[in-house]
Amino acid sequence: MHSNEHSLVSQSLSRRRFLELLAATGATLPLAAGLGRLLPVAEAAVAAAPRKNVADVLRFSTKAQGWKGSFGFVTFRMHPVFIDGDRAYHIRTDASDEDFARRVGLVLVIRLAGALKTGAHADYYTFAGGARGQLPVVSTAPGRDDYTPAFRLSRVRFTGAPRVLNSVGAIKDAEARARARIEATNIVVNYPFVKWPGGELPRDRKRDAYLGDGQLLEPPNVEKREVTFKLQQCFPGEWYIVTDTSASPMAPMMRIAASPKTAALTRSGATAKILVFGNGVKGAGPMGFQPSVVDSLPGQPLWSPFWDHYTFTWVGGKAPGVVRNQDALLALEKAGSLKRWPGTPDTQGQLFVVNCPVPVTAPVTWKA
């Protein structure tokens, strides 16, 4: 494996540039809801030894492999699918159903099932006894206005001799002709895409910043079906990857995919929260300051990899320090030392969602 590490010296958007991007695309972001009660999570709840949470993780390290960035690496198995006759590739990280998550080796995210209430999901079709060369079929991919990596699983069963179906249209046609049956489930999965027709997540060759030139350390390897991400850290002890965001205007500058439809996951009750620092102690966080704080851990009922993004800034005249958990953060906010911004100070009170699966749990290694 080549040197695979990521630095967390994040690049932040200027207020003017962000608003210019919004205006240019005509996009809007969902209005912020209240932050709500945060689940108390302590660093003591984190296992002392790093462990992988996803079976498709092939290799990982929380240590830099010779690069300047304050991040590790994680290599996933990629999975091919058909979309409108072409091929695309995704990774698998999370599922809403306990039995399915255990069987496949994914992180259980109970609240992800809420996507079904508001239609905040796409469709993913697998095949029972499919023809040779049959791949799963998806309804969307990055670059489309309806893209979301939150997919509802359905099974296609042929009533006669199977044949390869490579698009949703072909599946629907087979159903209409009574050649196949579609059996929808209530399982929602998080399958972020890394390569799709006409594009892929970019690779960061410099490896010295949180965002840098991309979230991949190596480009998707179709032959080996592997892809390697930067592995970022946050309190109380989660090591995560960054794949896509509902804030479409920001996605190109963040070097990740735009997933406009994930904005609806907030209304679906399918999101958790990430609390990012916009000033204070310099460090490995998304904006170039200390690592962020999250409100839950994988395996807990409130957990989700889809994070509503909040920014906290130290109020002028207050001495900044390192904040390691939500209880301390909220106490500082109540005392008037920290100010909360739904989204960022540039988004005018509007939230956005960032998809950050957590394939590894380990103690934070960053030091102030």
Protein backbone atom coordinates (compact mmCIF):
# COMPACT_ATOMS: atom_id res chain seq x y z
CA MET A 1 0.00 0.00 0.00
CA HIS A 2 1.32 3.44 -0.83
CA SER A 3 1.41 6.18 1.78
CA ASN A 4 -2.19 6.75 2.78
CA GLU A 5 -2.85 9.55 5.19
CA HIS A 6 -4.90 12.62 5.50
CA SER A 7 -4.23 15.90 7.18
CA LEU A 8 -6.96 17.74 8.88
CA VAL A 9 -5.96 21.30 8.11
CA SER A 10 -9.33 22.09 6.57
CA GLN A 11 -10.12 24.67 3.97
CA SER A 12 -13.27 26.64 4.73
CA LEU A 13 -15.45 28.55 2.31
CA SER A 14 -15.55 32.30 2.57
CA ARG A 15 -18.98 33.77 3.22
CA ARG A 16 -18.98 35.61 -0.09
CA ARG A 17 -17.88 32.57 -2.11
CA PHE A 18 -20.46 30.30 -0.49
CA LEU A 19 -23.32 32.69 -1.18
CA GLU A 20 -22.10 33.16 -4.75
CA LEU A 21 -22.27 29.40 -5.25
CA LEU A 22 -25.77 29.23 -3.83
CA ALA A 23 -26.95 32.05 -6.04
CA ALA A 24 -25.33 30.59 -9.13
CA THR A 25 -27.10 27.24 -8.75
CA GLY A 26 -30.39 28.50 -7.33
CA ALA A 27 -30.02 25.87 -4.61
CA THR A 28 -31.49 26.19 -1.15
CA LEU A 29 -30.62 24.38 2.05
CA PRO A 30 -33.13 23.17 4.63
CA LEU A 31 -33.83 25.59 7.47
CA ALA A 32 -32.20 24.61 10.72
CA ALA A 33 -34.17 22.78 13.34
CA GLY A 34 -33.26 22.94 17.02
CA LEU A 35 -30.12 21.12 18.04
CA GLY A 36 -32.13 19.10 20.51
CA ARG A 37 -30.85 16.95 23.33
CA LEU A 38 -27.46 15.40 22.80
CA LEU A 39 -26.80 11.88 23.98
CA PRO A 40 -24.07 11.91 26.66
CA VAL A 41 -21.06 10.12 25.20
CA ALA A 42 -17.71 9.93 26.94
CA GLU A 43 -14.31 8.97 25.60
CA ALA A 44 -14.31 6.20 28.20
CA ALA A 45 -16.99 4.46 26.08
CA VAL A 46 -14.48 4.04 23.26
CA ALA A 47 -12.48 0.81 23.06
CA ALA A 48 -8.78 1.28 23.77
CA ALA A 49 -7.74 -0.80 20.76
CA PRO A 50 -8.78 0.30 17.25
CA ARG A 51 -11.46 -1.93 15.76
CA LYS A 52 -13.19 -2.01 12.41
CA ASN A 53 -16.97 -1.68 12.33
CA VAL A 54 -17.52 -2.78 8.72
CA ALA A 55 -16.74 -6.20 7.25
CA ASP A 56 -15.76 -4.68 3.89
CA VAL A 57 -12.82 -2.86 5.50
CA LEU A 58 -9.75 -4.62 4.12
CA ARG A 59 -7.00 -2.57 5.76
CA PHE A 60 -6.79 0.50 7.96
CA SER A 61 -4.54 2.52 10.22
CA THR A 62 -5.19 5.55 12.41
CA LYS A 63 -1.57 6.61 11.90
CA ALA A 64 -0.19 8.75 9.08
CA GLN A 65 1.84 6.71 6.62
CA GLY A 66 4.51 9.29 5.94
CA TRP A 67 2.27 12.22 4.95
CA LYS A 68 1.74 15.52 6.74
CA GLY A 69 -2.01 15.25 7.22
CA SER A 70 -3.42 14.29 10.61
CA PHE A 71 -5.39 11.32 9.32
CA GLY A 72 -5.04 7.62 8.72
CA PHE A 73 -6.29 5.45 5.88
CA VAL A 74 -8.98 2.86 5.32
CA THR A 75 -9.30 0.55 2.31
CA PHE A 76 -12.75 -0.79 1.37
CA ARG A 77 -14.01 -3.51 -0.92
CA MET A 78 -15.90 -1.88 -3.83
CA HIS A 79 -19.12 -3.31 -5.28
CA PRO A 80 -20.21 -2.95 -8.94
CA VAL A 81 -23.79 -2.14 -10.00
CA PHE A 82 -25.68 -1.30 -13.17
CA ILE A 83 -27.20 2.12 -13.76
CA ASP A 84 -28.96 2.72 -17.07
CA GLY A 85 -26.77 0.18 -18.82
CA ASP A 86 -23.48 1.48 -17.43
CA ARG A 87 -21.42 0.40 -14.44
CA ALA A 88 -20.85 2.23 -11.19
CA TYR A 89 -19.07 1.28 -7.95
CA HIS A 90 -19.95 1.86 -4.31
CA ILE A 91 -18.88 0.85 -0.82
CA ARG A 92 -21.16 -0.57 1.89
CA THR A 93 -21.21 0.89 5.40
CA ASP A 94 -24.60 0.96 7.15
CA ALA A 95 -28.06 -0.64 7.28
CA SER A 96 -31.32 -0.02 9.14
CA ASP A 97 -32.14 -3.69 9.75
CA GLU A 98 -30.37 -5.58 12.55
CA ASP A 99 -30.38 -9.01 10.90
CA PHE A 100 -29.19 -7.65 7.55
CA ALA A 101 -26.49 -5.52 9.19
CA ARG A 102 -25.20 -8.50 11.14
CA ARG A 103 -25.26 -10.82 8.12
CA VAL A 104 -23.46 -8.44 5.77
CA GLY A 105 -21.18 -6.86 8.39
CA LEU A 106 -22.50 -3.30 8.41
CA VAL A 107 -23.08 -0.70 11.11
CA LEU A 108 -26.65 -0.83 12.43
CA VAL A 109 -28.45 2.50 11.97
CA ILE A 110 -32.01 2.02 13.21
CA ARG A 111 -33.12 5.56 12.49
CA LEU A 112 -32.13 5.26 8.82
CA ALA A 113 -35.46 3.52 8.26
CA GLY A 114 -37.05 6.95 8.73
CA ALA A 115 -36.05 7.72 5.13
CA LEU A 116 -39.01 5.60 4.02
CA LYS A 117 -41.48 7.97 5.69
CA THR A 118 -40.57 10.92 3.50
CA GLY A 119 -39.29 9.17 0.38
CA ALA A 120 -35.77 10.38 1.16
CA HIS A 121 -34.24 7.31 -0.45
CA ALA A 122 -33.35 5.83 -3.82
CA ASP A 123 -33.85 2.25 -5.05
CA TYR A 124 -31.40 -0.66 -5.09
CA TYR A 125 -32.42 -3.94 -6.75
CA THR A 126 -30.80 -7.31 -6.15
CA PHE A 127 -31.70 -10.52 -7.97
CA ALA A 128 -32.75 -13.97 -6.80
CA GLY A 129 -31.37 -16.52 -9.25
CA GLY A 130 -30.32 -13.89 -11.77
CA ALA A 131 -28.67 -14.63 -15.09
CA ARG A 132 -24.91 -14.93 -15.47
CA GLY A 133 -23.35 -11.44 -15.40
CA GLN A 134 -26.26 -9.89 -13.53
CA LEU A 135 -25.30 -7.08 -11.15
CA PRO A 136 -27.52 -5.15 -8.74
CA VAL A 137 -29.32 -2.22 -10.36
CA VAL A 138 -29.64 1.27 -8.88
CA SER A 139 -31.95 4.16 -9.66
CA THR A 140 -29.46 7.00 -9.25
CA ALA A 141 -25.79 7.97 -8.93
CA PRO A 142 -23.75 11.13 -8.32
CA GLY A 143 -24.31 13.88 -10.85
CA ARG A 144 -28.09 13.53 -10.70
CA ASP A 145 -30.51 15.79 -8.85
CA ASP A 146 -32.07 12.83 -7.03
CA TYR A 147 -28.82 11.24 -5.87
CA THR A 148 -28.68 9.86 -2.37
CA PRO A 149 -26.62 6.93 -1.07
CA ALA A 150 -29.57 5.97 1.17
CA PHE A 151 -31.09 3.09 -0.83
CA ARG A 152 -34.16 0.99 -0.18
CA LEU A 153 -33.43 -2.65 -0.97
CA SER A 154 -35.74 -4.64 -3.25
CA ARG A 155 -35.43 -8.19 -4.59
CA VAL A 156 -36.25 -9.14 -8.20
CA ARG A 157 -37.49 -12.68 -8.86
CA PHE A 158 -37.95 -14.03 -12.36
CA THR A 159 -41.10 -16.01 -13.18
CA GLY A 160 -39.37 -17.76 -16.08
CA ALA A 161 -35.88 -17.97 -17.50
CA PRO A 162 -33.77 -15.10 -16.12
CA ARG A 163 -32.03 -12.60 -18.36
CA VAL A 164 -29.67 -9.75 -17.57
CA LEU A 165 -31.47 -6.53 -16.63
CA ASN A 166 -29.20 -3.47 -16.46
CA SER A 167 -31.56 -0.59 -15.69
CA VAL A 168 -34.59 0.25 -13.58
CA GLY A 169 -36.53 0.69 -16.80
CA ALA A 170 -35.72 -2.88 -17.84
CA ILE A 171 -36.82 -4.18 -14.43
CA LYS A 172 -40.11 -2.30 -14.58
CA ASP A 173 -40.70 -3.59 -18.10
CA ALA A 174 -40.07 -7.18 -17.00
CA GLU A 175 -42.52 -6.69 -14.15
CA ALA A 176 -45.16 -5.22 -16.48
CA ARG A 177 -44.78 -8.24 -18.77
CA ALA A 178 -45.13 -10.62 -15.78
CA ARG A 179 -41.62 -11.90 -16.39
CA ALA A 180 -40.41 -10.81 -12.95
CA ARG A 181 -41.72 -9.79 -9.53
CA ILE A 182 -40.33 -6.96 -7.40
CA GLU A 183 -40.33 -7.60 -3.67
CA ALA A 184 -39.67 -4.37 -1.79
CA THR A 185 -38.20 -4.50 1.71
CA ASN A 186 -38.16 -1.94 4.50
CA ILE A 187 -34.36 -2.07 4.70
CA VAL A 188 -32.47 1.17 4.00
CA VAL A 189 -28.71 1.03 3.46
CA ASN A 190 -25.95 3.59 3.15
CA TYR A 191 -23.97 2.68 0.01
CA PRO A 192 -21.85 5.72 -0.96
CA PHE A 193 -20.62 5.80 -4.55
CA VAL A 194 -16.95 6.23 -5.41
CA LYS A 195 -17.04 5.78 -9.20
CA TRP A 196 -19.90 6.33 -11.65
CA PRO A 197 -20.45 6.99 -15.37
CA GLY A 198 -18.48 10.12 -16.16
CA GLY A 199 -16.92 10.65 -12.74
CA GLU A 200 -15.35 9.43 -9.51
CA LEU A 201 -14.27 10.83 -6.17
CA PRO A 202 -10.94 12.68 -6.61
CA ARG A 203 -7.59 11.57 -5.21
CA ASP A 204 -5.45 13.78 -2.98
CA ARG A 205 -1.79 13.40 -3.95
CA LYS A 206 -0.48 16.02 -1.51
CA ARG A 207 -2.05 14.45 1.57
CA ASP A 208 -1.44 17.44 3.80
CA ALA A 209 -4.93 18.80 4.52
CA TYR A 210 -8.36 17.62 5.68
CA LEU A 211 -10.00 18.55 2.38
CA GLY A 212 -6.98 18.94 0.15
CA ASP A 213 -7.62 17.73 -3.40
CA GLY A 214 -9.98 14.95 -2.36
CA GLN A 215 -10.99 12.35 0.21
CA LEU A 216 -9.37 9.42 -1.61
CA LEU A 217 -5.74 8.48 -1.10
CA GLU A 218 -5.78 6.12 -4.06
CA PRO A 219 -8.15 6.16 -7.05
CA PRO A 220 -10.81 3.43 -7.26
CA ASN A 221 -9.16 0.21 -8.44
CA VAL A 222 -11.75 -1.54 -10.60
CA GLU A 223 -9.60 -4.64 -11.19
CA LYS A 224 -8.98 -5.26 -7.49
CA ARG A 225 -12.32 -3.71 -6.50
CA GLU A 226 -10.66 -1.65 -3.79
CA VAL A 227 -10.71 2.02 -2.83
CA THR A 228 -8.73 3.85 -0.13
CA PHE A 229 -10.07 6.85 1.80
CA LYS A 230 -8.62 9.32 4.24
CA LEU A 231 -9.62 8.24 7.75
CA GLN A 232 -10.51 11.34 9.79
CA GLN A 233 -10.91 11.57 13.57
CA CYS A 234 -13.39 13.22 15.92
CA PHE A 235 -14.34 13.08 19.59
CA PRO A 236 -15.16 10.96 21.50
CA GLY A 237 -13.37 8.36 19.35
CA GLU A 238 -14.78 7.92 15.88
CA TRP A 239 -12.69 7.58 12.74
CA TYR A 240 -14.75 8.49 9.71
CA ILE A 241 -14.70 9.03 5.98
CA VAL A 242 -16.40 11.85 4.03
CA THR A 243 -18.32 10.82 0.89
CA ASP A 244 -21.05 13.31 -0.02
CA THR A 245 -23.13 16.29 1.12
CA SER A 246 -26.62 17.69 0.60
CA ALA A 247 -25.04 21.14 0.09
CA SER A 248 -24.57 20.71 -3.65
CA PRO A 249 -22.86 24.12 -4.19
CA MET A 250 -20.21 23.19 -1.61
CA ALA A 251 -19.54 19.66 -2.88
CA PRO A 252 -17.00 20.58 -5.60
CA MET A 253 -14.92 22.64 -3.16
CA MET A 254 -15.15 19.83 -0.58
CA ARG A 255 -14.04 17.39 -3.31
CA ILE A 256 -16.93 15.01 -2.57
CA ALA A 257 -20.15 14.03 -4.32
CA ALA A 258 -23.29 16.14 -4.16
CA SER A 259 -26.24 14.22 -2.72
CA PRO A 260 -29.14 16.71 -2.90
CA LYS A 261 -31.76 14.24 -1.70
CA THR A 262 -29.99 13.62 1.63
CA ALA A 263 -31.28 17.01 2.78
CA ALA A 264 -34.64 15.32 3.37
CA LEU A 265 -33.07 12.90 5.86
CA THR A 266 -33.15 15.62 8.52
CA ARG A 267 -36.94 15.85 8.25
CA SER A 268 -37.07 12.06 8.27
CA GLY A 269 -35.38 11.89 11.68
CA ALA A 270 -32.59 9.85 10.09
CA THR A 271 -29.64 12.09 10.99
CA ALA A 272 -27.24 12.55 13.90
CA LYS A 273 -25.25 15.74 14.56
CA ILE A 274 -21.66 16.83 14.14
CA LEU A 275 -20.43 19.83 16.08
CA VAL A 276 -17.57 21.50 14.22
CA PHE A 277 -15.27 24.23 15.53
CA GLY A 278 -14.93 27.37 13.41
CA ASN A 279 -12.13 28.96 15.46
CA GLY A 280 -10.09 28.32 18.59
CA VAL A 281 -7.35 25.72 18.99
CA LYS A 282 -5.68 24.85 15.69
CA GLY A 283 -5.99 21.21 14.77
CA ALA A 284 -7.36 18.31 12.74
CA GLY A 285 -10.98 19.37 12.31
CA PRO A 286 -12.83 20.22 9.09
CA MET A 287 -12.22 23.96 9.44
CA GLY A 288 -8.62 23.71 10.58
CA PHE A 289 -9.32 23.73 14.30
CA GLN A 290 -9.73 21.01 16.93
CA PRO A 291 -11.44 17.72 15.94
CA SER A 292 -15.23 17.87 15.89
CA VAL A 293 -17.56 16.35 18.49
CA VAL A 294 -20.41 14.00 17.57
CA ASP A 295 -23.57 13.23 19.52
CA SER A 296 -23.56 9.42 19.45
CA LEU A 297 -21.50 6.32 18.73
CA PRO A 298 -22.09 3.47 16.26
CA GLY A 299 -24.39 0.91 17.81
CA GLN A 300 -26.38 3.43 19.84
CA PRO A 301 -30.06 4.13 18.98
CA LEU A 302 -29.37 7.76 18.04
CA TRP A 303 -26.46 6.92 15.76
CA SER A 304 -26.46 7.84 12.07
CA PRO A 305 -23.63 8.46 9.59
CA PHE A 306 -25.68 11.27 8.03
CA TRP A 307 -24.73 14.28 10.11
CA ASP A 308 -26.53 17.60 10.45
CA HIS A 309 -23.66 20.08 10.38
CA TYR A 310 -23.41 22.65 13.20
CA THR A 311 -20.51 25.06 13.72
CA PHE A 312 -19.44 26.44 17.10
CA THR A 313 -17.19 29.48 17.47
CA TRP A 314 -15.51 30.93 20.52
CA VAL A 315 -16.92 34.30 21.49
CA GLY A 316 -14.49 37.23 21.39
CA GLY A 317 -12.66 37.70 24.66
CA LYS A 318 -13.13 34.08 25.75
CA ALA A 319 -10.04 31.89 26.04
CA PRO A 320 -10.43 28.86 23.74
CA GLY A 321 -9.59 25.38 24.93
CA VAL A 322 -9.98 21.81 23.72
CA VAL A 323 -13.55 20.49 24.04
CA ARG A 324 -13.77 16.70 24.09
CA ASN A 325 -17.50 15.94 24.53
CA GLN A 326 -20.97 17.41 24.13
CA ASP A 327 -21.59 18.01 27.83
CA ALA A 328 -18.57 20.30 28.03
CA LEU A 329 -19.52 21.98 24.76
CA LEU A 330 -23.09 22.72 25.85
CA ALA A 331 -21.89 24.00 29.22
CA LEU A 332 -19.57 26.43 27.43
CA GLU A 333 -22.41 27.52 25.15
CA LYS A 334 -24.69 28.10 28.13
CA ALA A 335 -21.96 30.13 29.80
CA GLY A 336 -21.69 32.37 26.74
CA SER A 337 -18.23 31.18 25.69
CA LEU A 338 -19.36 29.41 22.50
CA LYS A 339 -21.83 30.48 19.82
CA ARG A 340 -23.81 27.97 17.75
CA TRP A 341 -24.30 28.32 13.99
CA PRO A 342 -26.63 25.90 12.17
CA GLY A 343 -24.61 24.89 9.13
CA THR A 344 -21.73 27.39 9.19
CA PRO A 345 -21.57 31.13 9.86
CA ASP A 346 -21.90 31.52 6.08
CA THR A 347 -25.14 29.57 5.59
CA GLN A 348 -27.49 32.07 7.27
CA GLY A 349 -29.00 29.61 9.73
CA GLN A 350 -29.43 26.80 7.24
CA LEU A 351 -28.35 23.24 7.95
CA PHE A 352 -26.80 20.81 5.54
CA VAL A 353 -26.11 17.08 5.78
CA VAL A 354 -22.70 15.43 5.39
CA ASN A 355 -22.42 11.66 4.91
CA CYS A 356 -19.61 10.44 7.19
CA PRO A 357 -19.62 6.67 7.75
CA VAL A 358 -17.52 5.45 10.67
CA PRO A 359 -15.69 2.28 9.62
CA VAL A 360 -13.30 2.39 12.58
CA THR A 361 -13.68 3.10 16.29
CA ALA A 362 -10.52 4.10 18.17
CA PRO A 363 -9.32 6.74 20.62
CA VAL A 364 -8.50 10.18 19.20
CA THR A 365 -4.77 10.51 18.61
CA TRP A 366 -4.65 14.27 17.91
CA LYS A 367 -2.83 16.39 20.47
CA ALA A 368 -3.25 20.14 20.89
